[in-house]
Protein backbone atom coordinates (compact mmCIF):
# COMPACT_ATOMS: atom_id res chain seq x y z
CA GLY A 1 56.94 70.54 108.14
CA LEU A 2 57.16 73.65 110.19
CA ARG A 3 57.73 73.56 113.93
CA GLY A 4 56.44 75.45 116.91
CA ILE A 5 56.38 74.97 120.67
CA LEU A 6 53.25 74.03 122.63
CA ASP A 7 52.83 74.43 126.40
CA ILE A 8 51.64 70.94 127.37
CA HIS A 9 50.05 72.23 130.60
CA THR A 10 47.86 74.92 129.04
CA SER A 11 47.70 73.65 125.42
CA LYS A 12 48.63 77.15 124.25
CA LEU A 13 51.15 77.77 121.51
CA ILE A 14 54.31 79.41 122.83
CA ILE A 15 55.81 79.64 119.33
CA ASP A 16 53.56 79.35 116.29
CA PRO A 17 54.58 76.55 113.89
CA LYS A 18 56.38 78.72 111.36
CA PHE A 19 60.05 77.69 111.66
CA LYS A 20 62.04 74.84 110.12
CA THR A 21 64.05 74.39 113.37
CA ILE A 22 63.83 75.81 116.90
CA GLU A 23 66.59 75.59 119.52
CA THR A 24 65.99 76.88 123.06
CA LYS A 25 68.41 74.76 125.09
CA HIS A 26 70.84 76.85 127.19
CA LEU A 27 69.57 80.16 125.77
CA PRO A 28 68.38 82.96 128.06
CA ALA A 29 64.68 82.83 128.94
CA PHE A 30 62.26 83.46 126.08
CA LEU A 31 64.92 83.25 123.35
CA ALA A 32 65.24 80.66 120.59
CA ILE A 33 67.58 80.19 117.65
CA VAL A 34 65.23 79.65 114.73
CA GLU A 35 65.66 78.71 111.09
CA LYS A 36 63.40 79.66 108.21
CA ASP A 37 64.10 79.61 104.46
CA ASP A 38 67.71 78.46 105.15
CA LYS A 39 68.40 81.54 107.26
CA THR A 40 68.79 81.72 111.05
CA GLY A 41 68.07 84.32 113.67
CA ILE A 42 67.01 84.71 117.29
CA TYR A 43 63.34 84.90 118.16
CA ASP A 44 61.96 86.32 121.43
CA TYR A 45 58.86 84.21 121.96
CA LEU A 46 57.57 86.37 124.82
CA LYS A 47 57.57 89.50 122.65
CA LYS A 48 56.77 87.45 119.51
CA GLN A 49 59.50 89.17 117.50
CA MET A 50 62.95 88.57 116.05
CA THR A 51 65.69 90.04 118.26
CA VAL A 52 68.43 89.03 115.81
CA PRO A 53 67.03 89.24 112.27
CA PHE A 54 67.30 86.30 109.88
CA LYS A 55 70.70 86.07 108.20
CA ASP A 56 72.06 83.87 105.45
CA VAL A 57 74.31 82.12 108.02
CA THR A 58 74.02 79.36 110.61
CA LEU A 59 74.03 80.34 114.30
CA TYR A 60 75.29 78.11 117.11
CA LEU A 61 75.46 78.79 120.81
CA THR A 62 79.02 78.66 122.15
CA ASP A 63 79.95 75.95 124.66
CA ASN A 64 79.80 78.47 127.50
CA HIS A 65 76.28 79.59 126.39
CA LYS A 66 77.37 83.25 126.37
CA ALA A 67 77.72 84.07 122.65
CA LEU A 68 76.88 82.90 119.14
CA VAL A 69 79.19 81.26 116.64
CA VAL A 70 78.23 82.43 113.17
CA LYS A 71 78.98 80.01 110.32
CA SER A 72 79.09 81.39 106.81
CA GLY A 73 80.30 78.89 104.23
CA LEU A 74 83.35 77.21 105.78
CA LYS A 75 84.29 80.14 108.05
CA TYR A 76 83.19 81.16 111.53
CA GLY A 77 82.64 84.45 113.34
CA LEU A 78 81.40 85.48 116.78
CA GLU A 79 78.41 87.58 117.89
CA ASP A 80 76.85 88.42 121.22
CA LEU A 81 73.33 87.18 121.99
CA LYS A 82 71.87 90.44 120.66
CA GLY A 83 73.48 89.91 117.25
CA LYS A 84 76.29 92.46 117.69
CA LYS A 85 79.38 91.35 115.74
CA ILE A 86 82.42 90.53 117.87
CA ALA A 87 84.60 88.84 115.22
CA ASP A 88 84.23 88.61 111.43
CA THR A 89 83.49 85.27 109.78
CA THR A 90 87.14 84.69 108.81
CA TYR A 91 88.11 81.96 111.28
CA ASP A 92 88.45 78.20 110.77
CA GLU A 93 87.45 77.39 114.37
CA ILE A 94 86.09 79.23 117.41
CA HIS A 95 85.87 77.74 120.91
CA SER A 96 84.92 79.11 124.30
CA LEU A 97 87.50 78.30 126.98
CA ASP A 98 85.56 79.65 129.95
CA ASP A 99 82.78 82.17 130.63
CA SER A 100 84.63 85.06 129.03
CA LEU A 101 87.57 83.68 127.02
CA TYR A 102 87.44 82.48 123.41
CA VAL A 103 90.10 81.10 121.09
CA LEU A 104 89.78 81.93 117.39
CA VAL A 105 91.84 79.80 114.99
CA THR A 106 92.87 80.42 111.39
CA ARG A 107 94.91 78.12 109.14
CA ASN A 108 97.16 79.24 106.33
CA ALA A 109 97.75 77.38 103.04
CA GLN A 110 100.33 75.15 104.76
CA PHE A 111 97.75 74.30 107.46
CA GLN A 112 99.72 76.13 110.14
CA GLU A 113 97.35 77.30 112.84
CA HIS A 114 97.33 80.87 114.10
CA TYR A 115 95.54 81.54 117.38
CA GLN A 116 93.90 84.71 118.59
CA PHE A 117 92.13 85.12 121.91
CA TYR A 118 89.13 87.25 122.78
CA ASN A 119 88.27 88.28 126.34
CA SER A 120 84.60 89.29 126.44
CA THR A 121 84.91 90.90 129.88
CA GLN A 122 87.65 93.27 128.72
CA HIS A 123 86.45 93.36 125.08
CA ASP A 124 89.92 92.82 123.66
CA PHE A 125 91.76 90.52 121.27
CA TYR A 126 95.32 89.31 121.84
CA ALA A 127 97.82 86.70 120.72
CA ALA A 128 100.11 84.36 122.64
CA PRO A 129 103.58 85.69 123.49
CA GLY A 130 105.58 83.48 121.17
CA ASP A 131 106.50 82.41 117.70
CA THR A 132 104.28 79.31 117.74
CA LEU A 133 101.33 78.05 119.74
CA TYR A 134 100.81 74.27 119.89
CA GLY A 135 97.15 74.24 120.82
CA VAL A 136 95.21 75.00 123.96
CA TYR A 137 95.01 72.17 126.47
CA ALA A 138 92.79 71.57 129.48
CA ASP A 139 91.00 74.83 128.55
CA THR A 140 93.52 76.83 130.54
CA LEU A 141 97.01 76.04 129.25
CA ALA A 142 98.73 76.37 125.92
CA ILE A 143 102.17 75.33 124.77
CA VAL A 144 104.09 78.23 123.25
CA VAL A 145 107.48 78.33 121.59
CA LYS A 146 109.33 81.57 122.06
CA ASP A 147 112.87 82.02 120.71
CA GLY A 148 113.21 78.24 120.39
CA GLN A 149 112.18 77.64 124.02
CA TYR A 150 109.01 75.77 125.07
CA PHE A 151 106.70 77.18 127.76
CA LEU A 152 103.26 76.62 129.23
CA TRP A 153 101.12 79.72 128.89
CA ASP A 154 97.84 80.58 130.61
CA PRO A 155 95.72 82.46 128.04
CA ALA A 156 93.25 83.81 130.63
CA ALA A 157 95.96 85.29 132.88
CA ARG A 158 98.21 86.04 129.88
CA GLN A 159 101.15 84.61 131.80
CA ILE A 160 103.86 82.06 131.11
CA LYS A 161 103.75 79.35 133.79
CA ASN A 162 107.32 78.71 134.85
CA GLY A 163 108.33 75.45 136.48
CA ALA A 164 110.71 72.53 136.35
CA TYR A 165 109.29 71.47 132.98
CA ASN A 166 110.80 74.47 131.23
CA LYS A 167 114.34 74.30 132.59
CA ASP A 168 116.33 75.39 129.56
CA GLY A 169 113.11 75.17 127.50
CA ASN A 170 113.32 71.38 127.62
CA PRO A 171 110.88 70.05 125.01
CA SER A 172 110.89 66.48 126.37
CA PHE A 173 108.87 67.58 129.40
CA ILE A 174 106.49 69.48 127.13
CA ASP A 175 106.12 66.35 124.94
CA ILE A 176 105.13 64.36 128.05
CA PHE A 177 102.63 67.09 128.97
CA MET A 178 101.18 66.99 125.44
CA LEU A 179 100.89 63.19 125.58
CA ILE A 180 99.09 63.33 128.95
CA CYS A 181 96.71 66.05 127.70
CA PHE A 182 96.06 64.20 124.44
CA THR A 183 95.40 60.91 126.23
CA THR A 184 93.14 62.62 128.77
CA CYS A 185 91.17 64.36 126.00
CA LEU A 186 90.64 61.02 124.24
CA LEU A 187 89.36 59.40 127.43
CA VAL A 188 86.83 62.13 128.16
């Protein structure tokens, strides 16, 4: 059946029962991601109108609750909460790393991952400074390979983090770092 939202204190309908699904958790006040006829949009239940019109896609709130991941088929894009397109639906994964930083991942036919970053504060896209990026760890560090040397890179600051681990680009220290991060991620 169709769903709505009822105020249990006043017994008044906040949202009339006309949607297949309604999601309000972590959204700004008076907004809901709604689904109807296999299309999703954003409904302002104070104004009783759609603020992001229904689209033939699925909308998800990002982990930082600041933007929308748009799923179309097997690909993902990014929009702001008003429905303005930030990134086309051409990515295989999109994750928020903090309040303003997103990582957008594509995979080629050989399943090699290519990472792009989006900073919503500065409204710009950029890539890591290397030939290869081995994932983003602990939300704030990535392992990059540049000219055959391994480095830790901070995507938010856009800086390589130098230290004893990268003496001569020593990959054994990086492997230990990856093992610690991987083990920590599994335990969480």
